[in-house]
């Protein structure tokens, strides 16, 4: 498991509310705090909130899956030797809200979990095999706890 440097890595963060429904409950300062908590390296990141239609188009065109998903990470520098992590992290408002309701979670808490998940992907973490999934989930739980949020994997 990675050990977080006590000094905060430099972050350049752009936020786009193409779908503005969550703009009030997910203001930029909260988003910055959430992203910063999950950073191990300097980063230039873009968070974009989209509706189901745009989410479905992106998921279909780039992943070959014809449905909207909760979070997509387009990592441009997954190499841990890169000086700056660069990525676009796309969050689908419709899916995020539906999942939060289904799981009995606050939208803001679920969004913060998905942002942490996306930021970890941007830094090269993955969950395709069990060992990687366990490492990534453990990091998510640790980061979310530091933000005062519950373990999203416990029911």
Protein backbone atom coordinates (compact mmCIF):
# COMPACT_ATOMS: atom_id res chain seq x y z
CA UNK A 1 0.00 0.00 0.00
CA UNK A 2 1.28 3.48 -0.84
CA UNK A 3 2.28 5.74 1.99
CA UNK A 4 0.98 9.25 1.64
CA UNK A 5 3.50 12.06 1.79
CA UNK A 6 2.55 14.44 4.62
CA UNK A 7 3.06 17.43 2.30
CA UNK A 8 0.14 17.87 -0.07
CA UNK A 9 1.08 17.23 -3.69
CA UNK A 10 0.52 20.16 -6.05
CA UNK A 11 -2.94 20.05 -7.59
CA UNK A 12 -4.33 21.92 -10.58
CA UNK A 13 -8.05 21.14 -10.61
CA UNK A 14 -10.66 22.11 -13.16
CA UNK A 15 -14.32 21.40 -12.45
CA UNK A 16 -16.99 21.32 -15.15
CA UNK A 17 -20.66 21.07 -14.30
CA UNK A 18 -22.04 20.11 -17.73
CA UNK A 19 -24.90 18.72 -15.62
CA UNK A 20 -25.29 21.30 -12.87
CA UNK A 21 -27.72 19.38 -10.62
CA UNK A 22 -25.05 18.61 -8.02
CA UNK A 23 -23.20 21.92 -8.18
CA UNK A 24 -24.65 23.20 -4.88
CA UNK A 25 -24.10 19.99 -2.88
CA UNK A 26 -20.64 19.40 -4.42
CA UNK A 27 -19.00 22.83 -4.41
CA UNK A 28 -15.46 23.27 -5.70
CA UNK A 29 -13.81 23.53 -2.24
CA UNK A 30 -15.27 20.15 -1.22
CA UNK A 31 -14.19 18.61 -4.53
CA UNK A 32 -10.65 19.98 -4.13
CA UNK A 33 -10.43 18.62 -0.57
CA UNK A 34 -11.64 15.20 -1.73
CA UNK A 35 -9.25 15.03 -4.69
CA UNK A 36 -6.32 16.27 -2.59
CA UNK A 37 -6.94 13.55 0.00
CA UNK A 38 -6.48 10.87 -2.67
CA UNK A 39 -3.37 12.34 -4.29
CA UNK A 40 0.06 10.81 -3.88
CA UNK A 41 1.67 12.77 -6.74
CA UNK A 42 1.32 16.24 -8.27
CA UNK A 43 -1.67 16.30 -10.60
CA UNK A 44 -3.56 18.21 -13.24
CA UNK A 45 -7.10 16.89 -13.13
CA UNK A 46 -10.44 17.77 -14.61
CA UNK A 47 -13.67 16.68 -12.87
CA UNK A 48 -16.69 16.78 -15.16
CA UNK A 49 -20.27 16.11 -14.07
CA UNK A 50 -22.43 14.84 -16.93
CA UNK A 51 -25.96 13.55 -17.50
CA UNK A 52 -26.79 9.96 -18.47
CA UNK A 53 -26.79 10.72 -22.19
CA UNK A 54 -23.23 12.08 -22.23
CA UNK A 55 -22.09 9.40 -19.80
CA UNK A 56 -23.47 6.67 -22.06
CA UNK A 57 -21.80 8.15 -25.17
CA UNK A 58 -18.41 8.35 -23.43
CA UNK A 59 -18.68 4.84 -21.99
CA UNK A 60 -19.77 3.42 -25.36
CA UNK A 61 -17.20 5.27 -27.46
CA UNK A 62 -14.19 4.73 -25.19
CA UNK A 63 -14.95 1.50 -23.33
CA UNK A 64 -17.33 -0.28 -25.73
CA UNK A 65 -20.04 -0.48 -23.05
CA UNK A 66 -23.35 1.04 -24.13
CA UNK A 67 -24.67 2.37 -20.84
CA UNK A 68 -23.94 5.26 -18.47
CA UNK A 69 -21.63 4.33 -15.61
CA UNK A 70 -20.94 6.14 -12.33
CA UNK A 71 -17.34 7.26 -12.95
CA UNK A 72 -14.96 7.13 -15.91
CA UNK A 73 -11.29 7.99 -15.59
CA UNK A 74 -9.30 8.96 -18.63
CA UNK A 75 -5.74 8.77 -17.34
CA UNK A 76 -3.11 10.28 -19.61
CA UNK A 77 -0.08 9.61 -17.40
CA UNK A 78 -0.56 6.32 -15.56
CA UNK A 79 3.22 5.88 -15.39
CA UNK A 80 4.31 6.35 -11.77
CA UNK A 81 7.51 7.97 -13.09
CA UNK A 82 5.52 10.82 -14.62
CA UNK A 83 6.17 14.14 -12.92
CA UNK A 84 2.49 15.13 -13.03
CA UNK A 85 -0.57 12.89 -13.11
CA UNK A 86 -2.99 14.10 -15.78
CA UNK A 87 -6.55 12.85 -16.16
CA UNK A 88 -10.17 13.62 -16.85
CA UNK A 89 -12.58 12.13 -14.33
CA UNK A 90 -16.17 11.99 -15.52
CA UNK A 91 -19.00 11.52 -13.01
CA UNK A 92 -22.50 10.73 -14.23
CA UNK A 93 -25.01 12.58 -12.06
CA UNK A 94 -27.94 10.29 -12.93
CA UNK A 95 -26.07 7.10 -12.03
CA UNK A 96 -24.49 8.66 -8.94
CA UNK A 97 -27.88 9.79 -7.60
CA UNK A 98 -29.56 6.46 -8.38
CA UNK A 99 -26.79 4.43 -6.73
CA UNK A 100 -26.78 6.64 -3.63
CA UNK A 101 -30.55 6.15 -3.26
CA UNK A 102 -30.31 2.38 -3.83
CA UNK A 103 -27.49 2.09 -1.28
CA UNK A 104 -29.12 4.40 1.28
CA UNK A 105 -26.18 6.82 1.16
CA UNK A 106 -26.01 10.58 0.98
CA UNK A 107 -25.29 11.77 -2.57
CA UNK A 108 -22.33 13.81 -1.35
CA UNK A 109 -20.76 10.79 0.40
CA UNK A 110 -21.21 8.56 -2.65
CA UNK A 111 -19.80 11.28 -4.92
CA UNK A 112 -16.73 11.66 -2.70
CA UNK A 113 -16.17 7.90 -2.85
CA UNK A 114 -16.40 7.89 -6.65
CA UNK A 115 -14.03 10.86 -6.87
CA UNK A 116 -11.47 9.10 -4.66
CA UNK A 117 -11.92 5.98 -6.82
CA UNK A 118 -11.37 7.99 -10.00
CA UNK A 119 -8.32 9.80 -8.62
CA UNK A 120 -6.74 6.49 -7.65
CA UNK A 121 -7.36 5.18 -11.18
CA UNK A 122 -5.70 8.33 -12.54
CA UNK A 123 -2.60 7.43 -10.53
CA UNK A 124 -2.42 3.91 -11.93
CA UNK A 125 -4.43 1.92 -9.39
CA UNK A 126 -6.80 -0.69 -10.78
CA UNK A 127 -9.13 -3.46 -9.65
CA UNK A 128 -9.01 -5.96 -12.49
CA UNK A 129 -7.45 -8.71 -10.37
CA UNK A 130 -8.28 -9.57 -6.75
CA UNK A 131 -4.98 -8.38 -5.22
CA UNK A 132 -5.22 -5.00 -6.98
CA UNK A 133 -8.87 -4.67 -6.00
CA UNK A 134 -8.06 -5.34 -2.35
CA UNK A 135 -5.26 -2.75 -2.38
CA UNK A 136 -7.41 -0.15 -4.10
CA UNK A 137 -10.40 -0.73 -1.80
CA UNK A 138 -8.17 -0.51 1.28
CA UNK A 139 -6.79 2.82 0.05
CA UNK A 140 -10.30 4.11 -0.64
CA UNK A 141 -11.46 3.14 2.87
CA UNK A 142 -8.40 4.80 4.44
CA UNK A 143 -8.77 8.01 2.41
CA UNK A 144 -12.51 8.24 3.03
CA UNK A 145 -12.00 7.66 6.77
CA UNK A 146 -9.53 10.57 6.80
CA UNK A 147 -12.32 12.65 5.24
CA UNK A 148 -14.71 11.49 7.98
CA UNK A 149 -16.68 9.14 5.73
CA UNK A 150 -17.82 5.59 6.39
CA UNK A 151 -16.44 2.51 4.66
CA UNK A 152 -18.45 2.33 1.40
CA UNK A 153 -17.93 -1.44 1.15
CA UNK A 154 -19.68 -2.26 4.44
CA UNK A 155 -23.43 -2.69 4.43
